Amino acid sequence: MTAITDPTTIPGMAGGSGRGLMMAGLIVAFIGLCIVLIRVLRVPEYWMPLMVGVGLFLLGFIRWMTSKDS
């Protein structure tokens, strides 16, 4: 167990950049977009988990590819 030396910082937070919150917002927005597309395109609802899962995988893959050090 480690002690927090500075009470204004949270362990694991990179300077409070908000990057995690932006990613969470992107995930929620993407899920909403998938739901809207399913309703508009009249895709059966049982395809929703697959569409969301593949989309989240692709978002993660793109983020991984763009964050790699060349």
C-alpha atoms as a PDB file:
ATOM      1  CA  MET A   1       0.000   0.000   0.000  1.00  0.00           C
ATOM      2  CA  THR A   2       1.388   3.405  -0.931  1.00  0.00           C
ATOM      3  CA  ALA A   3       0.804   6.691   0.774  1.00  0.00           C
ATOM      4  CA  ILE A   4      -0.306   9.751  -1.149  1.00  0.00           C
ATOM      5  CA  THR A   5       2.219  12.483  -0.514  1.00  0.00           C
ATOM      6  CA  ASP A   6       0.307  15.258  -2.272  1.00  0.00           C
ATOM      7  CA  PRO A   7      -3.437  15.321  -1.481  1.00  0.00           C
ATOM      8  CA  THR A   8      -4.197  17.267  -4.691  1.00  0.00           C
ATOM      9  CA  THR A   9      -3.024  14.470  -7.000  1.00  0.00           C
ATOM     10  CA  ILE A  10      -4.609  11.136  -7.692  1.00  0.00           C
ATOM     11  CA  PRO A  11      -2.381   8.137  -8.399  1.00  0.00           C
ATOM     12  CA  GLY A  12      -2.705   6.988 -11.995  1.00  0.00           C
ATOM     13  CA  MET A  13      -3.940  10.320 -13.311  1.00  0.00           C
ATOM     14  CA  ALA A  14      -1.581  11.905 -15.824  1.00  0.00           C
ATOM     15  CA  GLY A  15      -1.712  15.511 -14.714  1.00  0.00           C
ATOM     16  CA  GLY A  16      -5.509  15.647 -14.930  1.00  0.00           C
ATOM     17  CA  SER A  17      -5.420  15.828 -18.721  1.00  0.00           C
ATOM     18  CA  GLY A  18      -8.980  14.563 -19.070  1.00  0.00           C
ATOM     19  CA  ARG A  19      -7.976  12.033 -21.726  1.00  0.00           C
ATOM     20  CA  GLY A  20      -9.871   9.257 -19.959  1.00  0.00           C
ATOM     21  CA  LEU A  21     -13.033  11.356 -19.776  1.00  0.00           C
ATOM     22  CA  MET A  22     -12.790  12.187 -23.471  1.00  0.00           C
ATOM     23  CA  MET A  23     -12.427   8.493 -24.310  1.00  0.00           C
ATOM     24  CA  ALA A  24     -15.407   7.627 -22.100  1.00  0.00           C
ATOM     25  CA  GLY A  25     -17.460  10.312 -23.848  1.00  0.00           C
ATOM     26  CA  LEU A  26     -16.409   8.967 -27.224  1.00  0.00           C
ATOM     27  CA  ILE A  27     -17.463   5.453 -26.230  1.00  0.00           C
ATOM     28  CA  VAL A  28     -20.885   6.617 -25.006  1.00  0.00           C
ATOM     29  CA  ALA A  29     -21.400   8.710 -28.153  1.00  0.00           C
ATOM     30  CA  PHE A  30     -20.407   5.774 -30.342  1.00  0.00           C
ATOM     31  CA  ILE A  31     -22.864   3.454 -28.595  1.00  0.00           C
ATOM     32  CA  GLY A  32     -25.580   6.065 -29.096  1.00  0.00           C
ATOM     33  CA  LEU A  33     -24.680   6.327 -32.767  1.00  0.00           C
ATOM     34  CA  CYS A  34     -24.918   2.546 -33.131  1.00  0.00           C
ATOM     35  CA  ILE A  35     -28.357   2.541 -31.534  1.00  0.00           C
ATOM     36  CA  VAL A  36     -29.540   5.312 -33.872  1.00  0.00           C
ATOM     37  CA  LEU A  37     -28.161   3.501 -36.932  1.00  0.00           C
ATOM     38  CA  ILE A  38     -29.876   0.295 -35.887  1.00  0.00           C
ATOM     39  CA  ARG A  39     -33.205   2.127 -35.574  1.00  0.00           C
ATOM     40  CA  VAL A  40     -32.809   4.065 -38.847  1.00  0.00           C
ATOM     41  CA  LEU A  41     -31.538   1.146 -40.927  1.00  0.00           C
ATOM     42  CA  ARG A  42     -34.011  -1.251 -39.271  1.00  0.00           C
ATOM     43  CA  VAL A  43     -31.296  -3.746 -38.391  1.00  0.00           C
ATOM     44  CA  PRO A  44     -32.491  -6.476 -35.994  1.00  0.00           C
ATOM     45  CA  GLU A  45     -31.695  -5.514 -32.394  1.00  0.00           C
ATOM     46  CA  TYR A  46     -29.725  -8.678 -31.728  1.00  0.00           C
ATOM     47  CA  TRP A  47     -26.980  -7.248 -33.992  1.00  0.00           C
ATOM     48  CA  MET A  48     -26.435  -4.307 -31.613  1.00  0.00           C
ATOM     49  CA  PRO A  49     -23.821  -5.989 -29.341  1.00  0.00           C
ATOM     50  CA  LEU A  50     -21.831  -7.094 -32.383  1.00  0.00           C
ATOM     51  CA  MET A  51     -21.868  -3.629 -33.973  1.00  0.00           C
ATOM     52  CA  VAL A  52     -20.889  -1.921 -30.726  1.00  0.00           C
ATOM     53  CA  GLY A  53     -18.181  -4.496 -29.976  1.00  0.00           C
ATOM     54  CA  VAL A  54     -16.606  -4.267 -33.420  1.00  0.00           C
ATOM     55  CA  GLY A  55     -16.794  -0.486 -33.334  1.00  0.00           C
ATOM     56  CA  LEU A  56     -15.154  -0.258 -29.923  1.00  0.00           C
ATOM     57  CA  PHE A  57     -12.451  -2.656 -31.066  1.00  0.00           C
ATOM     58  CA  LEU A  58     -11.783  -0.474 -34.101  1.00  0.00           C
ATOM     59  CA  LEU A  59     -11.674   2.691 -31.986  1.00  0.00           C
ATOM     60  CA  GLY A  60      -9.191   1.032 -29.636  1.00  0.00           C
ATOM     61  CA  PHE A  61      -7.113  -0.228 -32.547  1.00  0.00           C
ATOM     62  CA  ILE A  62      -6.986   3.216 -34.154  1.00  0.00           C
ATOM     63  CA  ARG A  63      -6.025   4.787 -30.845  1.00  0.00           C
ATOM     64  CA  TRP A  64      -3.317   2.160 -30.328  1.00  0.00           C
ATOM     65  CA  MET A  65      -1.944   2.678 -33.842  1.00  0.00           C
ATOM     66  CA  THR A  66      -1.828   6.468 -33.498  1.00  0.00           C
ATOM     67  CA  SER A  67      -0.218   6.416 -30.057  1.00  0.00           C
ATOM     68  CA  LYS A  68       2.669   4.084 -30.953  1.00  0.00           C
ATOM     69  CA  ASP A  69       6.143   5.581 -30.964  1.00  0.00           C
ATOM     70  CA  SER A  70       7.594   5.305 -34.438  1.00  0.00           C
END
